[in-house]
Amino acid sequence: MKGLLGFFGMSLGGALGWWLGGLQSLTLAVVLSAVGSGLGLYWTRRLAEDYLE
């Protein structure tokens, strides 16, 4: 379950970062997508540990 939530968080964070960065440039979109994916994974894994265990 934690893995599925992590995947969902990475997808959502990456998409949000891509959208925000795409408003400026392709390079910024790639960077913000990577950062958003990492943050999405971190937050969803943390939430899963706090509420699912």
PDB file of N, CA and C in Angstrom:
ATOM      1  N   MET A   1       0.819  -1.195   0.000  1.00  0.00           N
ATOM      2  CA  MET A   1       0.000   0.000   0.000  1.00  0.00           C
ATOM      3  C   MET A   1       0.864   1.262   0.000  1.00  0.00           C
ATOM      4  N   LYS A   2       1.956   1.234   0.787  1.00  0.00           N
ATOM      5  CA  LYS A   2       2.831   2.408   0.818  1.00  0.00           C
ATOM      6  C   LYS A   2       3.467   2.664  -0.546  1.00  0.00           C
ATOM      7  N   GLY A   3       3.779   1.576  -1.252  1.00  0.00           N
ATOM      8  CA  GLY A   3       4.372   1.736  -2.568  1.00  0.00           C
ATOM      9  C   GLY A   3       3.420   2.383  -3.557  1.00  0.00           C
ATOM     10  N   LEU A   4       2.157   1.983  -3.498  1.00  0.00           N
ATOM     11  CA  LEU A   4       1.150   2.561  -4.383  1.00  0.00           C
ATOM     12  C   LEU A   4       0.931   4.040  -4.057  1.00  0.00           C
ATOM     13  N   LEU A   5       0.888   4.360  -2.780  1.00  0.00           N
ATOM     14  CA  LEU A   5       0.741   5.763  -2.396  1.00  0.00           C
ATOM     15  C   LEU A   5       1.957   6.584  -2.802  1.00  0.00           C
ATOM     16  N   GLY A   6       3.136   5.991  -2.678  1.00  0.00           N
ATOM     17  CA  GLY A   6       4.347   6.679  -3.117  1.00  0.00           C
ATOM     18  C   GLY A   6       4.338   6.954  -4.608  1.00  0.00           C
ATOM     19  N   PHE A   7       3.881   5.977  -5.376  1.00  0.00           N
ATOM     20  CA  PHE A   7       3.777   6.167  -6.824  1.00  0.00           C
ATOM     21  C   PHE A   7       2.781   7.277  -7.158  1.00  0.00           C
ATOM     22  N   PHE A   8       1.650   7.280  -6.467  1.00  0.00           N
ATOM     23  CA  PHE A   8       0.648   8.318  -6.683  1.00  0.00           C
ATOM     24  C   PHE A   8       1.208   9.691  -6.332  1.00  0.00           C
ATOM     25  N   GLY A   9       1.913   9.790  -5.207  1.00  0.00           N
ATOM     26  CA  GLY A   9       2.499  11.063  -4.795  1.00  0.00           C
ATOM     27  C   GLY A   9       3.555  11.557  -5.760  1.00  0.00           C
ATOM     28  N   MET A  10       4.370  10.624  -6.262  1.00  0.00           N
ATOM     29  CA  MET A  10       5.393  11.007  -7.245  1.00  0.00           C
ATOM     30  C   MET A  10       4.751  11.507  -8.529  1.00  0.00           C
ATOM     31  N   SER A  11       3.714  10.830  -8.960  1.00  0.00           N
ATOM     32  CA  SER A  11       3.034  11.232 -10.192  1.00  0.00           C
ATOM     33  C   SER A  11       2.389  12.602 -10.053  1.00  0.00           C
ATOM     34  N   LEU A  12       1.705  12.795  -8.955  1.00  0.00           N
ATOM     35  CA  LEU A  12       1.035  14.073  -8.732  1.00  0.00           C
ATOM     36  C   LEU A  12       2.045  15.211  -8.572  1.00  0.00           C
ATOM     37  N   GLY A  13       3.089  14.978  -7.785  1.00  0.00           N
ATOM     38  CA  GLY A  13       4.115  16.005  -7.592  1.00  0.00           C
ATOM     39  C   GLY A  13       4.867  16.327  -8.874  1.00  0.00           C
ATOM     40  N   GLY A  14       5.174  15.291  -9.645  1.00  0.00           N
ATOM     41  CA  GLY A  14       5.867  15.515 -10.908  1.00  0.00           C
ATOM     42  C   GLY A  14       5.019  16.270 -11.913  1.00  0.00           C
ATOM     43  N   ALA A  15       3.740  15.933 -11.969  1.00  0.00           N
ATOM     44  CA  ALA A  15       2.845  16.630 -12.893  1.00  0.00           C
ATOM     45  C   ALA A  15       2.671  18.091 -12.500  1.00  0.00           C
ATOM     46  N   LEU A  16       2.548  18.338 -11.205  1.00  0.00           N
ATOM     47  CA  LEU A  16       2.410  19.712 -10.738  1.00  0.00           C
ATOM     48  C   LEU A  16       3.679  20.518 -11.025  1.00  0.00           C
ATOM     49  N   GLY A  17       4.837  19.917 -10.772  1.00  0.00           N
ATOM     50  CA  GLY A  17       6.093  20.588 -11.072  1.00  0.00           C
ATOM     51  C   GLY A  17       6.269  20.852 -12.555  1.00  0.00           C
ATOM     52  N   TRP A  18       5.880  19.887 -13.385  1.00  0.00           N
ATOM     53  CA  TRP A  18       5.992  20.062 -14.834  1.00  0.00           C
ATOM     54  C   TRP A  18       5.097  21.202 -15.302  1.00  0.00           C
ATOM     55  N   TRP A  19       3.871  21.251 -14.761  1.00  0.00           N
ATOM     56  CA  TRP A  19       2.940  22.293 -15.161  1.00  0.00           C
ATOM     57  C   TRP A  19       3.462  23.668 -14.753  1.00  0.00           C
ATOM     58  N   LEU A  20       3.930  23.791 -13.514  1.00  0.00           N
ATOM     59  CA  LEU A  20       4.447  25.079 -13.050  1.00  0.00           C
ATOM     60  C   LEU A  20       5.694  25.501 -13.821  1.00  0.00           C
ATOM     61  N   GLY A  21       6.609  24.574 -14.038  1.00  0.00           N
ATOM     62  CA  GLY A  21       7.825  24.904 -14.772  1.00  0.00           C
ATOM     63  C   GLY A  21       7.571  25.166 -16.236  1.00  0.00           C
ATOM     64  N   GLY A  22       6.565  24.502 -16.795  1.00  0.00           N
ATOM     65  CA  GLY A  22       6.244  24.695 -18.205  1.00  0.00           C
ATOM     66  C   GLY A  22       5.748  26.088 -18.528  1.00  0.00           C
ATOM     67  N   LEU A  23       5.334  26.803 -17.521  1.00  0.00           N
ATOM     68  CA  LEU A  23       4.906  28.184 -17.749  1.00  0.00           C
ATOM     69  C   LEU A  23       6.090  29.079 -18.099  1.00  0.00           C
ATOM     70  N   GLN A  24       7.316  28.650 -17.727  1.00  0.00           N
ATOM     71  CA  GLN A  24       8.503  29.454 -17.992  1.00  0.00           C
ATOM     72  C   GLN A  24       9.361  28.876 -19.120  1.00  0.00           C
ATOM     73  N   SER A  25       9.855  27.646 -18.915  1.00  0.00           N
ATOM     74  CA  SER A  25      10.726  27.045 -19.922  1.00  0.00           C
ATOM     75  C   SER A  25      10.768  25.537 -19.742  1.00  0.00           C
ATOM     76  N   LEU A  26      11.272  24.856 -20.747  1.00  0.00           N
ATOM     77  CA  LEU A  26      11.364  23.406 -20.702  1.00  0.00           C
ATOM     78  C   LEU A  26      12.362  22.945 -19.639  1.00  0.00           C
ATOM     79  N   THR A  27      13.467  23.644 -19.521  1.00  0.00           N
ATOM     80  CA  THR A  27      14.478  23.274 -18.525  1.00  0.00           C
ATOM     81  C   THR A  27      13.921  23.392 -17.115  1.00  0.00           C
ATOM     82  N   LEU A  28      13.231  24.458 -16.837  1.00  0.00           N
ATOM     83  CA  LEU A  28      12.627  24.636 -15.521  1.00  0.00           C
ATOM     84  C   LEU A  28      11.546  23.586 -15.273  1.00  0.00           C
ATOM     85  N   ALA A  29      10.826  23.200 -16.313  1.00  0.00           N
ATOM     86  CA  ALA A  29       9.806  22.161 -16.177  1.00  0.00           C
ATOM     87  C   ALA A  29      10.439  20.830 -15.763  1.00  0.00           C
ATOM     88  N   VAL A  30      11.567  20.485 -16.359  1.00  0.00           N
ATOM     89  CA  VAL A  30      12.248  19.233 -16.017  1.00  0.00           C
ATOM     90  C   VAL A  30      12.736  19.269 -14.573  1.00  0.00           C
ATOM     91  N   VAL A  31      13.335  20.374 -14.178  1.00  0.00           N
ATOM     92  CA  VAL A  31      13.869  20.499 -12.816  1.00  0.00           C
ATOM     93  C   VAL A  31      12.744  20.460 -11.784  1.00  0.00           C
ATOM     94  N   LEU A  32      11.697  21.226 -12.006  1.00  0.00           N
ATOM     95  CA  LEU A  32      10.597  21.249 -11.050  1.00  0.00           C
ATOM     96  C   LEU A  32       9.830  19.934 -11.025  1.00  0.00           C
ATOM     97  N   SER A  33       9.805  19.232 -12.131  1.00  0.00           N
ATOM     98  CA  SER A  33       9.177  17.918 -12.147  1.00  0.00           C
ATOM     99  C   SER A  33       9.946  16.943 -11.269  1.00  0.00           C
ATOM    100  N   ALA A  34      11.261  16.980 -11.346  1.00  0.00           N
ATOM    101  CA  ALA A  34      12.085  16.102 -10.512  1.00  0.00           C
ATOM    102  C   ALA A  34      11.933  16.458  -9.032  1.00  0.00           C
ATOM    103  N   VAL A  35      11.942  17.736  -8.728  1.00  0.00           N
ATOM    104  CA  VAL A  35      11.771  18.173  -7.340  1.00  0.00           C
ATOM    105  C   VAL A  35      10.378  17.811  -6.838  1.00  0.00           C
ATOM    106  N   GLY A  36       9.375  18.032  -7.655  1.00  0.00           N
ATOM    107  CA  GLY A  36       8.006  17.698  -7.269  1.00  0.00           C
ATOM    108  C   GLY A  36       7.810  16.211  -7.059  1.00  0.00           C
ATOM    109  N   SER A  37       8.465  15.396  -7.870  1.00  0.00           N
ATOM    110  CA  SER A  37       8.371  13.947  -7.691  1.00  0.00           C
ATOM    111  C   SER A  37       8.989  13.522  -6.365  1.00  0.00           C
ATOM    112  N   GLY A  38      10.137  14.076  -6.051  1.00  0.00           N
ATOM    113  CA  GLY A  38      10.792  13.749  -4.785  1.00  0.00           C
ATOM    114  C   GLY A  38       9.975  14.188  -3.584  1.00  0.00           C
ATOM    115  N   LEU A  39       9.430  15.390  -3.647  1.00  0.00           N
ATOM    116  CA  LEU A  39       8.615  15.881  -2.535  1.00  0.00           C
ATOM    117  C   LEU A  39       7.317  15.099  -2.408  1.00  0.00           C
ATOM    118  N   GLY A  40       6.713  14.761  -3.545  1.00  0.00           N
ATOM    119  CA  GLY A  40       5.491  13.966  -3.505  1.00  0.00           C
ATOM    120  C   GLY A  40       5.730  12.598  -2.894  1.00  0.00           C
ATOM    121  N   LEU A  41       6.850  11.976  -3.228  1.00  0.00           N
ATOM    122  CA  LEU A  41       7.192  10.684  -2.640  1.00  0.00           C
ATOM    123  C   LEU A  41       7.420  10.828  -1.144  1.00  0.00           C
ATOM    124  N   TYR A  42       8.173  11.839  -0.750  1.00  0.00           N
ATOM    125  CA  TYR A  42       8.464  12.048   0.670  1.00  0.00           C
ATOM    126  C   TYR A  42       7.177  12.250   1.466  1.00  0.00           C
ATOM    127  N   TRP A  43       6.302  13.139   1.004  1.00  0.00           N
ATOM    128  CA  TRP A  43       5.093  13.459   1.757  1.00  0.00           C
ATOM    129  C   TRP A  43       4.132  12.285   1.838  1.00  0.00           C
ATOM    130  N   THR A  44       3.964  11.568   0.744  1.00  0.00           N
ATOM    131  CA  THR A  44       3.026  10.445   0.795  1.00  0.00           C
ATOM    132  C   THR A  44       3.577   9.291   1.625  1.00  0.00           C
ATOM    133  N   ARG A  45       4.877   9.039   1.569  1.00  0.00           N
ATOM    134  CA  ARG A  45       5.451   7.986   2.417  1.00  0.00           C
ATOM    135  C   ARG A  45       5.339   8.371   3.886  1.00  0.00           C
ATOM    136  N   ARG A  46       5.559   9.623   4.182  1.00  0.00           N
ATOM    137  CA  ARG A  46       5.436  10.086   5.559  1.00  0.00           C
ATOM    138  C   ARG A  46       3.996   9.983   6.063  1.00  0.00           C
ATOM    139  N   LEU A  47       3.048  10.379   5.241  1.00  0.00           N
ATOM    140  CA  LEU A  47       1.643  10.252   5.617  1.00  0.00           C
ATOM    141  C   LEU A  47       1.258   8.791   5.808  1.00  0.00           C
ATOM    142  N   ALA A  48       1.756   7.926   4.942  1.00  0.00           N
ATOM    143  CA  ALA A  48       1.445   6.502   5.063  1.00  0.00           C
ATOM    144  C   ALA A  48       2.000   5.931   6.362  1.00  0.00           C
ATOM    145  N   GLU A  49       3.194   6.335   6.745  1.00  0.00           N
ATOM    146  CA  GLU A  49       3.767   5.829   8.003  1.00  0.00           C
ATOM    147  C   GLU A  49       3.012   6.356   9.209  1.00  0.00           C
ATOM    148  N   ASP A  50       2.532   7.598   9.142  1.00  0.00           N
ATOM    149  CA  ASP A  50       1.820   8.174  10.277  1.00  0.00           C
ATOM    150  C   ASP A  50       0.409   7.614  10.431  1.00  0.00           C
ATOM    151  N   TYR A  51      -0.274   7.381   9.326  1.00  0.00           N
ATOM    152  CA  TYR A  51      -1.689   7.024   9.414  1.00  0.00           C
ATOM    153  C   TYR A  51      -2.004   5.563   9.116  1.00  0.00           C
ATOM    154  N   LEU A  52      -1.122   4.847   8.446  1.00  0.00           N
ATOM    155  CA  LEU A  52      -1.432   3.473   8.093  1.00  0.00           C
ATOM    156  C   LEU A  52      -0.794   2.447   9.025  1.00  0.00           C
ATOM    157  N   GLU A  53       0.124   2.854   9.850  1.00  0.00           N
ATOM    158  CA  GLU A  53       0.755   1.890  10.762  1.00  0.00           C
ATOM    159  C   GLU A  53       0.376   2.114  12.196  1.00  0.00           C
TER     160      GLU A  53
END
